Amino acid sequence: MAGLAKKLSRSAQQALYHTYLWEQPKFEQLIFDYIKLVFESKISIEDNFAAPCVLQVQQAAKQVHREKHRMEAFVRFQKAADDLFYATISPDFNVLPLIIKHFEKRYADQRWAIYDTKRNYGAYYDLKTVSFVNLELSPQQRHAALADVHKHQEEDKYQQLWQVYFDHVNIPERKNPKLHLRHIPRRYWKYLSEKQPRQLPT
């Protein structure tokens, strides 16, 4: 790592790390080819997009960066009975390590946990530090929302209020489904309270 740090800019090191989190087929070979080229070249390779590995690393890093921002925008927490705010994600890439700082700053005064159901690990914030956790859950439990017995007693009301707010700020005359899908692809709807079936007030 020290050798790479001497030959690569900070942004290039970040791109290489993002490629590691990309996790797509043959990503290990891609990283190996990139690092090999770095040490074989006497000049910087960062802008040598004629080299397939350099171009592919940049493309992979962009995909991971885009997924990171989408997760930061689309994660929705549920309040548990013990006042823990809990959310599940299943991103295309392993972006959980990249979004921790965002939620640590945004929710510094609340205990929260974000669990990646695709990779079966999560991040837990205890008001002081963030630690990685694994839960012993069945495949069905991993993908489920909080069971009623574990929810805070007011959670369903919070969800209903948000849905009512969303419905009221929505302007039917300005509805543009294509633009909407471009900004919020359908695969992210499972995270959004406003996209869930409407609940009748109790």
Protein backbone atom coordinates (compact mmCIF):
# COMPACT_ATOMS: atom_id res chain seq x y z
CA MET A 1 0.00 0.00 0.00
CA ALA A 2 2.85 2.39 0.80
CA GLY A 3 4.32 1.77 -2.64
CA LEU A 4 0.99 2.48 -4.35
CA ALA A 5 0.53 5.65 -2.30
CA LYS A 6 3.81 6.95 -3.73
CA LYS A 7 2.79 6.30 -7.33
CA LEU A 8 -0.95 7.08 -7.28
CA SER A 9 -2.93 10.19 -6.43
CA ARG A 10 -5.49 10.04 -3.67
CA SER A 11 -8.35 9.95 -6.18
CA ALA A 12 -6.74 7.02 -8.04
CA GLN A 13 -6.27 5.12 -4.77
CA GLN A 14 -9.95 5.74 -4.01
CA ALA A 15 -10.94 4.49 -7.46
CA LEU A 16 -8.97 1.31 -6.85
CA TYR A 17 -10.69 0.81 -3.49
CA HIS A 18 -14.08 1.37 -5.11
CA THR A 19 -13.17 -1.28 -7.68
CA TYR A 20 -12.52 -3.68 -4.82
CA LEU A 21 -16.02 -2.91 -3.48
CA TRP A 22 -17.43 -3.33 -7.01
CA GLU A 23 -17.30 -7.14 -6.60
CA GLN A 24 -18.15 -7.91 -10.21
CA PRO A 25 -16.74 -10.99 -12.01
CA LYS A 26 -12.94 -10.92 -12.36
CA PHE A 27 -12.59 -7.73 -10.30
CA GLU A 28 -9.56 -9.24 -8.55
CA GLN A 29 -7.80 -9.72 -11.89
CA LEU A 30 -8.69 -6.16 -12.87
CA ILE A 31 -7.11 -4.79 -9.70
CA PHE A 32 -4.03 -6.98 -10.21
CA ASP A 33 -3.59 -5.78 -13.82
CA TYR A 34 -3.95 -2.15 -12.73
CA ILE A 35 -1.40 -2.44 -9.91
CA LYS A 36 1.00 -4.36 -12.18
CA LEU A 37 0.80 -1.56 -14.75
CA VAL A 38 1.40 1.06 -12.05
CA PHE A 39 4.68 -0.52 -10.99
CA GLU A 40 5.82 -1.31 -14.53
CA SER A 41 5.36 2.27 -15.75
CA LYS A 42 7.85 5.05 -15.10
CA ILE A 43 5.13 7.69 -15.54
CA SER A 44 1.62 8.03 -14.14
CA ILE A 45 -0.90 5.67 -15.70
CA GLU A 46 -3.95 7.39 -14.26
CA ASP A 47 -5.00 9.02 -17.55
CA ASN A 48 -3.83 6.18 -19.79
CA PHE A 49 -7.31 5.14 -20.84
CA ALA A 50 -5.89 3.23 -23.79
CA ALA A 51 -4.98 0.59 -21.21
CA PRO A 52 -8.13 -1.50 -20.67
CA CYS A 53 -7.56 -1.94 -16.93
CA VAL A 54 -7.27 1.83 -16.37
CA LEU A 55 -10.52 2.51 -18.22
CA GLN A 56 -12.31 -0.34 -16.46
CA VAL A 57 -11.19 0.82 -13.01
CA GLN A 58 -12.55 4.30 -13.72
CA GLN A 59 -15.85 2.90 -14.95
CA ALA A 60 -16.20 0.57 -11.97
CA ALA A 61 -15.39 3.38 -9.53
CA LYS A 62 -18.07 5.58 -11.11
CA GLN A 63 -20.68 2.84 -10.77
CA VAL A 64 -19.82 2.30 -7.11
CA HIS A 65 -19.82 6.05 -6.44
CA ARG A 66 -23.27 6.38 -8.03
CA GLU A 67 -24.62 3.50 -5.95
CA LYS A 68 -23.15 5.07 -2.80
CA HIS A 69 -25.07 8.32 -3.37
CA ARG A 70 -28.27 6.47 -4.14
CA MET A 71 -28.04 4.49 -0.93
CA GLU A 72 -27.45 7.69 1.04
CA ALA A 73 -30.59 9.13 -0.52
CA PHE A 74 -32.89 6.11 -0.46
CA VAL A 75 -32.18 4.40 2.89
CA ARG A 76 -35.28 4.56 5.11
CA PHE A 77 -35.07 3.68 8.79
CA GLN A 78 -37.71 2.03 10.95
CA LYS A 79 -37.80 2.76 14.66
CA ALA A 80 -37.57 -0.35 16.80
CA ALA A 81 -39.14 -0.87 20.21
CA ASP A 82 -35.77 -0.23 21.91
CA ASP A 83 -35.43 3.11 20.02
CA LEU A 84 -32.87 1.72 17.57
CA PHE A 85 -33.32 2.99 14.01
CA TYR A 86 -32.96 0.02 11.67
CA ALA A 87 -32.71 -0.19 7.88
CA THR A 88 -31.93 -2.93 5.40
CA ILE A 89 -30.20 -2.49 2.05
CA SER A 90 -29.21 -4.83 -0.79
CA PRO A 91 -27.12 -2.64 -3.09
CA ASP A 92 -25.65 -3.80 -6.38
CA PHE A 93 -22.18 -3.16 -4.99
CA ASN A 94 -20.65 -3.37 -1.51
CA VAL A 95 -21.13 0.31 -0.62
CA LEU A 96 -21.93 -0.05 3.09
CA PRO A 97 -18.37 0.96 4.15
CA LEU A 98 -18.72 4.10 2.00
CA ILE A 99 -22.04 5.34 3.41
CA ILE A 100 -21.22 5.00 7.11
CA LYS A 101 -19.74 8.50 7.48
CA HIS A 102 -22.82 10.08 5.93
CA PHE A 103 -25.20 8.48 8.45
CA GLU A 104 -22.78 8.91 11.34
CA LYS A 105 -22.87 12.68 10.74
CA ARG A 106 -26.55 12.92 9.87
CA TYR A 107 -27.79 10.81 12.78
CA ALA A 108 -25.08 11.44 15.35
CA ASP A 109 -27.59 11.63 18.22
CA GLN A 110 -29.43 8.38 17.42
CA ARG A 111 -28.56 4.71 17.63
CA TRP A 112 -28.89 3.11 14.23
CA ALA A 113 -28.06 -0.02 12.28
CA ILE A 114 -27.92 -0.59 8.52
CA TYR A 115 -27.86 -4.20 7.39
CA ASP A 116 -26.80 -5.39 3.93
CA THR A 117 -29.06 -8.39 3.32
CA LYS A 118 -27.23 -9.41 0.15
CA ARG A 119 -23.84 -9.70 1.92
CA ASN A 120 -25.17 -10.59 5.37
CA TYR A 121 -23.38 -7.97 7.43
CA GLY A 122 -24.22 -4.56 8.82
CA ALA A 123 -23.01 -1.42 10.55
CA TYR A 124 -24.15 -0.49 14.06
CA TYR A 125 -23.72 2.99 15.58
CA ASP A 126 -23.92 3.21 19.39
CA LEU A 127 -23.73 7.04 19.67
CA LYS A 128 -19.93 6.87 19.88
CA THR A 129 -18.50 4.49 17.31
CA VAL A 130 -19.55 2.35 14.36
CA SER A 131 -18.87 -1.38 14.37
CA PHE A 132 -19.57 -4.08 11.81
CA VAL A 133 -22.00 -6.81 12.86
CA ASN A 134 -23.36 -10.11 11.61
CA LEU A 135 -26.82 -11.39 12.50
CA GLU A 136 -27.89 -15.00 12.68
CA LEU A 137 -30.96 -14.71 10.49
CA SER A 138 -32.71 -17.01 8.07
CA PRO A 139 -32.83 -15.85 4.42
CA GLN A 140 -36.52 -14.90 4.92
CA GLN A 141 -35.76 -12.81 8.02
CA ARG A 142 -32.87 -11.01 6.34
CA HIS A 143 -35.13 -9.52 3.70
CA ALA A 144 -38.08 -8.74 5.95
CA ALA A 145 -39.03 -5.44 7.51
CA LEU A 146 -39.22 -5.20 11.27
CA ALA A 147 -41.88 -7.50 12.67
CA ASP A 148 -44.71 -5.74 14.49
CA VAL A 149 -43.50 -7.10 17.82
CA HIS A 150 -40.13 -5.36 17.32
CA LYS A 151 -41.46 -2.04 16.01
CA HIS A 152 -41.77 1.10 18.07
CA GLN A 153 -45.44 1.66 18.89
CA GLU A 154 -45.49 4.88 16.86
CA GLU A 155 -43.60 3.55 13.80
CA ASP A 156 -46.65 2.79 11.65
CA LYS A 157 -48.01 6.28 12.35
CA TYR A 158 -44.71 7.84 11.24
CA GLN A 159 -44.91 5.82 8.02
CA GLN A 160 -48.49 6.91 7.41
CA LEU A 161 -47.66 10.57 8.04
CA TRP A 162 -44.80 10.43 5.55
CA GLN A 163 -47.04 8.82 2.94
CA VAL A 164 -49.70 11.48 3.46
CA TYR A 165 -47.06 14.22 3.15
CA PHE A 166 -45.69 12.68 -0.04
CA ASP A 167 -49.16 12.41 -1.57
CA HIS A 168 -49.95 16.05 -0.79
CA VAL A 169 -46.73 17.52 -2.22
CA ASN A 170 -47.08 15.44 -5.37
CA ILE A 171 -48.45 17.48 -8.30
CA PRO A 172 -50.37 15.20 -10.70
CA GLU A 173 -50.18 17.72 -13.57
CA ARG A 174 -46.38 17.59 -13.45
CA LYS A 175 -46.17 13.81 -13.36
CA ASN A 176 -43.30 12.57 -15.53
CA PRO A 177 -42.83 8.79 -15.12
CA LYS A 178 -39.73 8.58 -17.35
CA LEU A 179 -37.91 11.32 -15.45
CA HIS A 180 -39.03 9.82 -12.15
CA LEU A 181 -37.60 6.41 -13.07
CA ARG A 182 -34.37 8.01 -14.22
CA HIS A 183 -33.84 9.59 -10.81
CA ILE A 184 -35.36 6.76 -8.73
CA PRO A 185 -34.95 3.43 -10.57
CA ARG A 186 -37.57 0.84 -9.70
CA ARG A 187 -35.07 -1.44 -7.92
CA TYR A 188 -34.78 1.19 -5.14
CA TRP A 189 -38.51 1.46 -4.49
CA LYS A 190 -38.39 -1.33 -1.91
CA TYR A 191 -36.52 1.07 0.42
CA LEU A 192 -38.96 3.96 0.13
CA SER A 193 -41.89 4.38 2.49
CA GLU A 194 -43.76 6.43 -0.10
CA LYS A 195 -43.67 3.50 -2.52
CA GLN A 196 -45.20 0.97 -0.12
CA PRO A 197 -48.91 0.07 -0.04
CA ARG A 198 -50.90 2.71 1.80
CA GLN A 199 -51.82 1.84 5.35
CA LEU A 200 -55.16 2.79 6.81
CA PRO A 201 -54.90 4.89 10.00
CA THR A 202 -55.65 2.90 13.16
